[in-house]
Amino acid sequence: MSEEIQTTSVSNEPVENKKDERRLNGAKLWDAFKNFAILFSFVVNFVLILILLLSPGPLFTAKAQIAEPLLVDLDSAFAALGETNIVTLVNIEDTMPVIFDLPLAQNTDVILTAPVPLQVPATFFLPGGGGSINGVVSLNLPEKMTLPVALNMMVPVSTTIPVVMKVPVEIHLAEAGMGPAIEQLRAVFRPVTGLLQSLPNSTQELLSP
């Protein structure tokens, strides 16, 4: 049994050596690739920098004619937005409760819609000092008879009335709470505008101290 173990251990040594050789070769290939990638990136960046330095005209043109006017116009638009007034009409369609006491004091005429029976106590005086007789007078007020009436009362009123109107509304955005938000928008672009304006506008300014 000891002889078999020795034979097995001897046969494993070439396999482990092959694995080590493969790892070493892989590490060398990876190092070579990294060195090539670093060198390639350096060359590309160097070429781009040379192109920018040798032909900066389009960059200066884009800065002066596109970027700066765009940022200035944006800031002006935000500033004008804060001073904007919105004028519009608001349609209102609703019902409104009305509850109050209406004082009523006036003279008017009423018309009877049915006969009204009356019984009134009366005293009849006999002529020639013959004394007096107490009695009752019965009569009917006829239908459609007009009677004058004095009204003096409080009339309770409880109802709802429809409300339909157009109300003109004027809203100043800065006073309506938009002022801080507009200032934040302007503050976002101020650093970019300042940095862009500090850059040179021509090759002479770039080369001058």
C-alpha atoms as a PDB file:
ATOM      1  CA  MET A   1       0.000   0.000   0.000  1.00  0.00           C
ATOM      2  CA  SER A   2       2.882   2.365   0.683  1.00  0.00           C
ATOM      3  CA  GLU A   3       4.209   1.840  -2.830  1.00  0.00           C
ATOM      4  CA  GLU A   4       0.855   2.888  -4.397  1.00  0.00           C
ATOM      5  CA  ILE A   5       0.833   6.113  -2.370  1.00  0.00           C
ATOM      6  CA  GLN A   6       4.314   7.032  -3.560  1.00  0.00           C
ATOM      7  CA  THR A   7       3.339   6.382  -7.157  1.00  0.00           C
ATOM      8  CA  THR A   8       0.236   8.600  -6.818  1.00  0.00           C
ATOM      9  CA  SER A   9       2.154  11.513  -5.295  1.00  0.00           C
ATOM     10  CA  VAL A  10       4.699  11.436  -8.056  1.00  0.00           C
ATOM     11  CA  SER A  11       2.027  11.475 -10.772  1.00  0.00           C
ATOM     12  CA  ASN A  12       0.290  14.625  -9.277  1.00  0.00           C
ATOM     13  CA  GLU A  13       3.397  16.838  -9.484  1.00  0.00           C
ATOM     14  CA  PRO A  14       3.272  17.432 -13.279  1.00  0.00           C
ATOM     15  CA  VAL A  15      -0.456  18.359 -13.061  1.00  0.00           C
ATOM     16  CA  GLU A  16       0.172  20.989 -10.368  1.00  0.00           C
ATOM     17  CA  ASN A  17       3.081  22.380 -12.342  1.00  0.00           C
ATOM     18  CA  LYS A  18       0.876  22.721 -15.411  1.00  0.00           C
ATOM     19  CA  LYS A  19      -1.744  24.612 -13.381  1.00  0.00           C
ATOM     20  CA  ASP A  20       0.874  26.995 -12.044  1.00  0.00           C
ATOM     21  CA  GLU A  21       2.199  27.565 -15.542  1.00  0.00           C
ATOM     22  CA  ARG A  22      -1.323  28.369 -16.811  1.00  0.00           C
ATOM     23  CA  ARG A  23      -1.925  30.852 -13.974  1.00  0.00           C
ATOM     24  CA  LEU A  24       1.418  32.497 -14.636  1.00  0.00           C
ATOM     25  CA  ASN A  25       0.698  32.768 -18.353  1.00  0.00           C
ATOM     26  CA  GLY A  26      -2.785  34.220 -17.636  1.00  0.00           C
ATOM     27  CA  ALA A  27      -1.341  36.823 -15.267  1.00  0.00           C
ATOM     28  CA  LYS A  28       1.249  37.810 -17.868  1.00  0.00           C
ATOM     29  CA  LEU A  29      -1.435  38.185 -20.535  1.00  0.00           C
ATOM     30  CA  TRP A  30      -3.597  40.303 -18.194  1.00  0.00           C
ATOM     31  CA  ASP A  31      -0.663  42.562 -17.309  1.00  0.00           C
ATOM     32  CA  ALA A  32       0.151  42.964 -20.988  1.00  0.00           C
ATOM     33  CA  PHE A  33      -3.483  43.848 -21.763  1.00  0.00           C
ATOM     34  CA  LYS A  34      -3.611  46.414 -18.960  1.00  0.00           C
ATOM     35  CA  ASN A  35      -0.390  48.023 -20.130  1.00  0.00           C
ATOM     36  CA  PHE A  36      -1.709  48.195 -23.677  1.00  0.00           C
ATOM     37  CA  ALA A  37      -5.049  49.691 -22.527  1.00  0.00           C
ATOM     38  CA  ILE A  38      -3.281  52.350 -20.433  1.00  0.00           C
ATOM     39  CA  LEU A  39      -0.966  53.241 -23.311  1.00  0.00           C
ATOM     40  CA  PHE A  40      -3.863  53.342 -25.810  1.00  0.00           C
ATOM     41  CA  SER A  41      -5.934  55.598 -23.520  1.00  0.00           C
ATOM     42  CA  PHE A  42      -2.972  57.927 -23.039  1.00  0.00           C
ATOM     43  CA  VAL A  43      -2.403  58.180 -26.788  1.00  0.00           C
ATOM     44  CA  VAL A  44      -6.082  58.881 -27.515  1.00  0.00           C
ATOM     45  CA  ASN A  45      -6.303  61.569 -24.828  1.00  0.00           C
ATOM     46  CA  PHE A  46      -3.073  63.147 -26.034  1.00  0.00           C
ATOM     47  CA  VAL A  47      -4.368  63.264 -29.621  1.00  0.00           C
ATOM     48  CA  LEU A  48      -7.669  64.817 -28.511  1.00  0.00           C
ATOM     49  CA  ILE A  49      -5.882  67.457 -26.467  1.00  0.00           C
ATOM     50  CA  LEU A  50      -3.687  68.295 -29.466  1.00  0.00           C
ATOM     51  CA  ILE A  51      -6.762  68.619 -31.693  1.00  0.00           C
ATOM     52  CA  LEU A  52      -8.425  70.960 -29.207  1.00  0.00           C
ATOM     53  CA  LEU A  53      -5.311  73.065 -28.801  1.00  0.00           C
ATOM     54  CA  LEU A  54      -4.592  73.289 -32.524  1.00  0.00           C
ATOM     55  CA  SER A  55      -8.181  74.043 -33.613  1.00  0.00           C
ATOM     56  CA  PRO A  56      -9.998  75.811 -30.742  1.00  0.00           C
ATOM     57  CA  GLY A  57     -12.001  78.052 -33.066  1.00  0.00           C
ATOM     58  CA  PRO A  58     -15.218  75.968 -33.052  1.00  0.00           C
ATOM     59  CA  LEU A  59     -15.106  75.791 -29.261  1.00  0.00           C
ATOM     60  CA  PHE A  60     -14.806  79.570 -28.912  1.00  0.00           C
ATOM     61  CA  THR A  61     -17.612  80.036 -31.444  1.00  0.00           C
ATOM     62  CA  ALA A  62     -19.887  77.616 -29.600  1.00  0.00           C
ATOM     63  CA  LYS A  63     -19.121  79.361 -26.308  1.00  0.00           C
ATOM     64  CA  ALA A  64     -19.768  82.877 -27.596  1.00  0.00           C
ATOM     65  CA  GLN A  65     -22.707  82.194 -29.927  1.00  0.00           C
ATOM     66  CA  ILE A  66     -24.524  79.251 -28.335  1.00  0.00           C
ATOM     67  CA  ALA A  67     -23.677  78.479 -24.728  1.00  0.00           C
ATOM     68  CA  GLU A  68     -23.445  81.999 -23.276  1.00  0.00           C
ATOM     69  CA  PRO A  69     -26.599  83.387 -25.001  1.00  0.00           C
ATOM     70  CA  LEU A  70     -28.510  80.255 -24.023  1.00  0.00           C
ATOM     71  CA  LEU A  71     -27.627  80.557 -20.326  1.00  0.00           C
ATOM     72  CA  VAL A  72     -28.319  84.299 -20.309  1.00  0.00           C
ATOM     73  CA  ASP A  73     -31.700  83.773 -21.972  1.00  0.00           C
ATOM     74  CA  LEU A  74     -32.565  81.063 -19.461  1.00  0.00           C
ATOM     75  CA  ASP A  75     -31.778  83.355 -16.538  1.00  0.00           C
ATOM     76  CA  SER A  76     -33.810  86.177 -18.095  1.00  0.00           C
ATOM     77  CA  ALA A  77     -36.736  83.812 -18.693  1.00  0.00           C
ATOM     78  CA  PHE A  78     -36.702  82.639 -15.070  1.00  0.00           C
ATOM     79  CA  ALA A  79     -36.533  86.244 -13.836  1.00  0.00           C
ATOM     80  CA  ALA A  80     -39.457  87.227 -16.076  1.00  0.00           C
ATOM     81  CA  LEU A  81     -41.412  84.228 -14.843  1.00  0.00           C
ATOM     82  CA  GLY A  82     -41.225  85.563 -11.289  1.00  0.00           C
ATOM     83  CA  GLU A  83     -42.731  88.869 -12.431  1.00  0.00           C
ATOM     84  CA  THR A  84     -45.533  87.294 -14.451  1.00  0.00           C
ATOM     85  CA  ASN A  85     -49.163  88.034 -13.605  1.00  0.00           C
ATOM     86  CA  ILE A  86     -51.822  85.491 -14.566  1.00  0.00           C
ATOM     87  CA  VAL A  87     -55.164  87.147 -15.322  1.00  0.00           C
ATOM     88  CA  THR A  88     -58.129  84.854 -15.868  1.00  0.00           C
ATOM     89  CA  LEU A  89     -61.816  84.345 -15.130  1.00  0.00           C
ATOM     90  CA  VAL A  90     -62.958  81.750 -12.615  1.00  0.00           C
ATOM     91  CA  ASN A  91     -66.398  80.260 -13.231  1.00  0.00           C
ATOM     92  CA  ILE A  92     -68.419  79.814 -10.024  1.00  0.00           C
ATOM     93  CA  GLU A  93     -71.558  77.673 -10.068  1.00  0.00           C
ATOM     94  CA  ASP A  94     -72.903  76.892  -6.610  1.00  0.00           C
ATOM     95  CA  THR A  95     -75.855  77.338  -4.272  1.00  0.00           C
ATOM     96  CA  MET A  96     -75.851  79.633  -1.251  1.00  0.00           C
ATOM     97  CA  PRO A  97     -78.131  79.249   1.787  1.00  0.00           C
ATOM     98  CA  VAL A  98     -80.152  82.329   2.744  1.00  0.00           C
ATOM     99  CA  ILE A  99     -81.629  82.501   6.262  1.00  0.00           C
ATOM    100  CA  PHE A 100     -82.940  85.731   7.802  1.00  0.00           C
ATOM    101  CA  ASP A 101     -86.015  87.453   9.269  1.00  0.00           C
ATOM    102  CA  LEU A 102     -87.794  89.893   6.959  1.00  0.00           C
ATOM    103  CA  PRO A 103     -89.549  92.767   8.730  1.00  0.00           C
ATOM    104  CA  LEU A 104     -92.873  93.503   7.045  1.00  0.00           C
ATOM    105  CA  ALA A 105     -94.752  96.717   7.864  1.00  0.00           C
ATOM    106  CA  GLN A 106     -97.110  98.068   5.217  1.00  0.00           C
ATOM    107  CA  ASN A 107    -100.751  98.630   4.336  1.00  0.00           C
ATOM    108  CA  THR A 108    -102.344  96.419   1.735  1.00  0.00           C
ATOM    109  CA  ASP A 109    -105.688  95.132   0.522  1.00  0.00           C
ATOM    110  CA  VAL A 110    -106.848  91.540   0.865  1.00  0.00           C
ATOM    111  CA  ILE A 111    -109.613  89.791  -1.020  1.00  0.00           C
ATOM    112  CA  LEU A 112    -111.816  87.284   0.772  1.00  0.00           C
ATOM    113  CA  THR A 113    -111.833  83.894  -0.897  1.00  0.00           C
ATOM    114  CA  ALA A 114    -114.948  82.704   1.030  1.00  0.00           C
ATOM    115  CA  PRO A 115    -117.777  84.247   3.080  1.00  0.00           C
ATOM    116  CA  VAL A 116    -116.687  85.219   6.584  1.00  0.00           C
ATOM    117  CA  PRO A 117    -119.377  84.989   9.313  1.00  0.00           C
ATOM    118  CA  LEU A 118    -119.228  87.631  12.043  1.00  0.00           C
ATOM    119  CA  GLN A 119    -121.048  87.894  15.384  1.00  0.00           C
ATOM    120  CA  VAL A 120    -120.512  91.253  17.087  1.00  0.00           C
ATOM    121  CA  PRO A 121    -122.068  92.332  20.417  1.00  0.00           C
ATOM    122  CA  ALA A 122    -123.990  95.603  20.034  1.00  0.00           C
ATOM    123  CA  THR A 123    -126.093  98.023  22.108  1.00  0.00           C
ATOM    124  CA  PHE A 124    -129.227  99.506  20.589  1.00  0.00           C
ATOM    125  CA  PHE A 125    -130.544 102.795  21.988  1.00  0.00           C
ATOM    126  CA  LEU A 126    -134.276 103.386  21.718  1.00  0.00           C
ATOM    127  CA  PRO A 127    -135.355 106.828  20.544  1.00  0.00           C
ATOM    128  CA  GLY A 128    -137.062 109.326  22.835  1.00  0.00           C
ATOM    129  CA  GLY A 129    -135.198 108.180  25.914  1.00  0.00           C
ATOM    130  CA  GLY A 130    -136.746 104.779  25.774  1.00  0.00           C
ATOM    131  CA  GLY A 131    -133.587 103.084  27.046  1.00  0.00           C
ATOM    132  CA  SER A 132    -131.167 100.644  25.457  1.00  0.00           C
ATOM    133  CA  ILE A 133    -131.131  97.014  24.433  1.00  0.00           C
ATOM    134  CA  ASN A 134    -127.998  94.815  24.410  1.00  0.00           C
ATOM    135  CA  GLY A 135    -127.802  92.239  21.655  1.00  0.00           C
ATOM    136  CA  VAL A 136    -125.656  90.503  19.051  1.00  0.00           C
ATOM    137  CA  VAL A 137    -125.356  91.391  15.408  1.00  0.00           C
ATOM    138  CA  SER A 138    -124.737  88.464  13.020  1.00  0.00           C
ATOM    139  CA  LEU A 139    -123.632  89.006   9.418  1.00  0.00           C
ATOM    140  CA  ASN A 140    -121.506  87.435   6.663  1.00  0.00           C
ATOM    141  CA  LEU A 141    -118.746  89.206   4.782  1.00  0.00           C
ATOM    142  CA  PRO A 142    -119.247  88.154   1.171  1.00  0.00           C
ATOM    143  CA  GLU A 143    -116.693  86.313  -0.963  1.00  0.00           C
ATOM    144  CA  LYS A 144    -114.360  88.502  -3.080  1.00  0.00           C
ATOM    145  CA  MET A 145    -114.872  91.441  -0.758  1.00  0.00           C
ATOM    146  CA  THR A 146    -111.812  93.719  -0.509  1.00  0.00           C
ATOM    147  CA  LEU A 147    -110.646  94.649   2.958  1.00  0.00           C
ATOM    148  CA  PRO A 148    -107.827  97.075   3.853  1.00  0.00           C
ATOM    149  CA  VAL A 149    -105.245  95.482   6.145  1.00  0.00           C
ATOM    150  CA  ALA A 150    -102.206  96.902   7.980  1.00  0.00           C
ATOM    151  CA  LEU A 151     -99.366  94.352   8.078  1.00  0.00           C
ATOM    152  CA  ASN A 152     -96.730  94.572  10.829  1.00  0.00           C
ATOM    153  CA  MET A 153     -94.799  91.336  11.369  1.00  0.00           C
ATOM    154  CA  MET A 154     -91.462  89.474  11.049  1.00  0.00           C
ATOM    155  CA  VAL A 155     -91.411  86.941   8.233  1.00  0.00           C
ATOM    156  CA  PRO A 156     -88.761  84.165   8.615  1.00  0.00           C
ATOM    157  CA  VAL A 157     -86.980  83.370   5.335  1.00  0.00           C
ATOM    158  CA  SER A 158     -84.999  80.145   4.832  1.00  0.00           C
ATOM    159  CA  THR A 159     -84.053  79.127   1.294  1.00  0.00           C
ATOM    160  CA  THR A 160     -81.160  78.554  -1.094  1.00  0.00           C
ATOM    161  CA  ILE A 161     -80.327  80.619  -4.125  1.00  0.00           C
ATOM    162  CA  PRO A 162     -78.181  79.592  -7.132  1.00  0.00           C
ATOM    163  CA  VAL A 163     -74.927  81.489  -7.607  1.00  0.00           C
ATOM    164  CA  VAL A 164     -73.562  81.636 -11.149  1.00  0.00           C
ATOM    165  CA  MET A 165     -70.856  84.185 -11.879  1.00  0.00           C
ATOM    166  CA  LYS A 166     -67.445  84.764 -13.423  1.00  0.00           C
ATOM    167  CA  VAL A 167     -64.922  86.249 -11.040  1.00  0.00           C
ATOM    168  CA  PRO A 168     -61.809  87.959 -12.486  1.00  0.00           C
ATOM    169  CA  VAL A 169     -58.649  86.667 -10.795  1.00  0.00           C
ATOM    170  CA  GLU A 170     -55.119  88.078 -11.025  1.00  0.00           C
ATOM    171  CA  ILE A 171     -52.279  85.937  -9.654  1.00  0.00           C
ATOM    172  CA  HIS A 172     -48.730  87.239  -9.226  1.00  0.00           C
ATOM    173  CA  LEU A 173     -46.506  84.144  -9.371  1.00  0.00           C
ATOM    174  CA  ALA A 174     -43.843  85.493  -7.013  1.00  0.00           C
ATOM    175  CA  GLU A 175     -46.454  86.434  -4.381  1.00  0.00           C
ATOM    176  CA  ALA A 176     -48.287  83.129  -4.902  1.00  0.00           C
ATOM    177  CA  GLY A 177     -45.307  81.142  -3.576  1.00  0.00           C
ATOM    178  CA  MET A 178     -43.353  80.596  -6.798  1.00  0.00           C
ATOM    179  CA  GLY A 179     -40.644  83.129  -5.899  1.00  0.00           C
ATOM    180  CA  PRO A 180     -38.358  80.740  -3.918  1.00  0.00           C
ATOM    181  CA  ALA A 181     -38.639  78.012  -6.566  1.00  0.00           C
ATOM    182  CA  ILE A 182     -37.737  80.456  -9.353  1.00  0.00           C
ATOM    183  CA  GLU A 183     -34.729  81.721  -7.394  1.00  0.00           C
ATOM    184  CA  GLN A 184     -33.566  78.132  -6.906  1.00  0.00           C
ATOM    185  CA  LEU A 185     -33.764  77.550 -10.660  1.00  0.00           C
ATOM    186  CA  ARG A 186     -31.699  80.668 -11.312  1.00  0.00           C
ATOM    187  CA  ALA A 187     -29.176  79.619  -8.658  1.00  0.00           C
ATOM    188  CA  VAL A 188     -28.655  76.272 -10.414  1.00  0.00           C
ATOM    189  CA  PHE A 189     -27.373  77.957 -13.590  1.00  0.00           C
ATOM    190  CA  ARG A 190     -25.414  80.838 -11.995  1.00  0.00           C
ATOM    191  CA  PRO A 191     -22.216  78.801 -11.328  1.00  0.00           C
ATOM    192  CA  VAL A 192     -22.250  77.389 -14.869  1.00  0.00           C
ATOM    193  CA  THR A 193     -22.793  80.860 -16.349  1.00  0.00           C
ATOM    194  CA  GLY A 194     -20.013  82.370 -14.249  1.00  0.00           C
ATOM    195  CA  LEU A 195     -17.582  79.592 -15.157  1.00  0.00           C
ATOM    196  CA  LEU A 196     -18.406  79.865 -18.844  1.00  0.00           C
ATOM    197  CA  GLN A 197     -18.001  83.647 -18.848  1.00  0.00           C
ATOM    198  CA  SER A 198     -14.612  83.319 -17.150  1.00  0.00           C
ATOM    199  CA  LEU A 199     -13.261  81.154 -19.990  1.00  0.00           C
ATOM    200  CA  PRO A 200     -11.301  82.847 -22.811  1.00  0.00           C
ATOM    201  CA  ASN A 201     -13.136  83.917 -25.937  1.00  0.00           C
ATOM    202  CA  SER A 202     -10.234  83.530 -28.370  1.00  0.00           C
ATOM    203  CA  THR A 203      -6.839  81.917 -28.836  1.00  0.00           C
ATOM    204  CA  GLN A 204      -5.125  85.226 -27.954  1.00  0.00           C
ATOM    205  CA  GLU A 205      -6.870  85.329 -24.576  1.00  0.00           C
ATOM    206  CA  LEU A 206      -5.997  81.678 -24.025  1.00  0.00           C
ATOM    207  CA  LEU A 207      -2.284  82.266 -24.676  1.00  0.00           C
ATOM    208  CA  SER A 208      -2.066  85.625 -22.909  1.00  0.00           C
ATOM    209  CA  PRO A 209      -1.107  85.565 -19.207  1.00  0.00           C
END
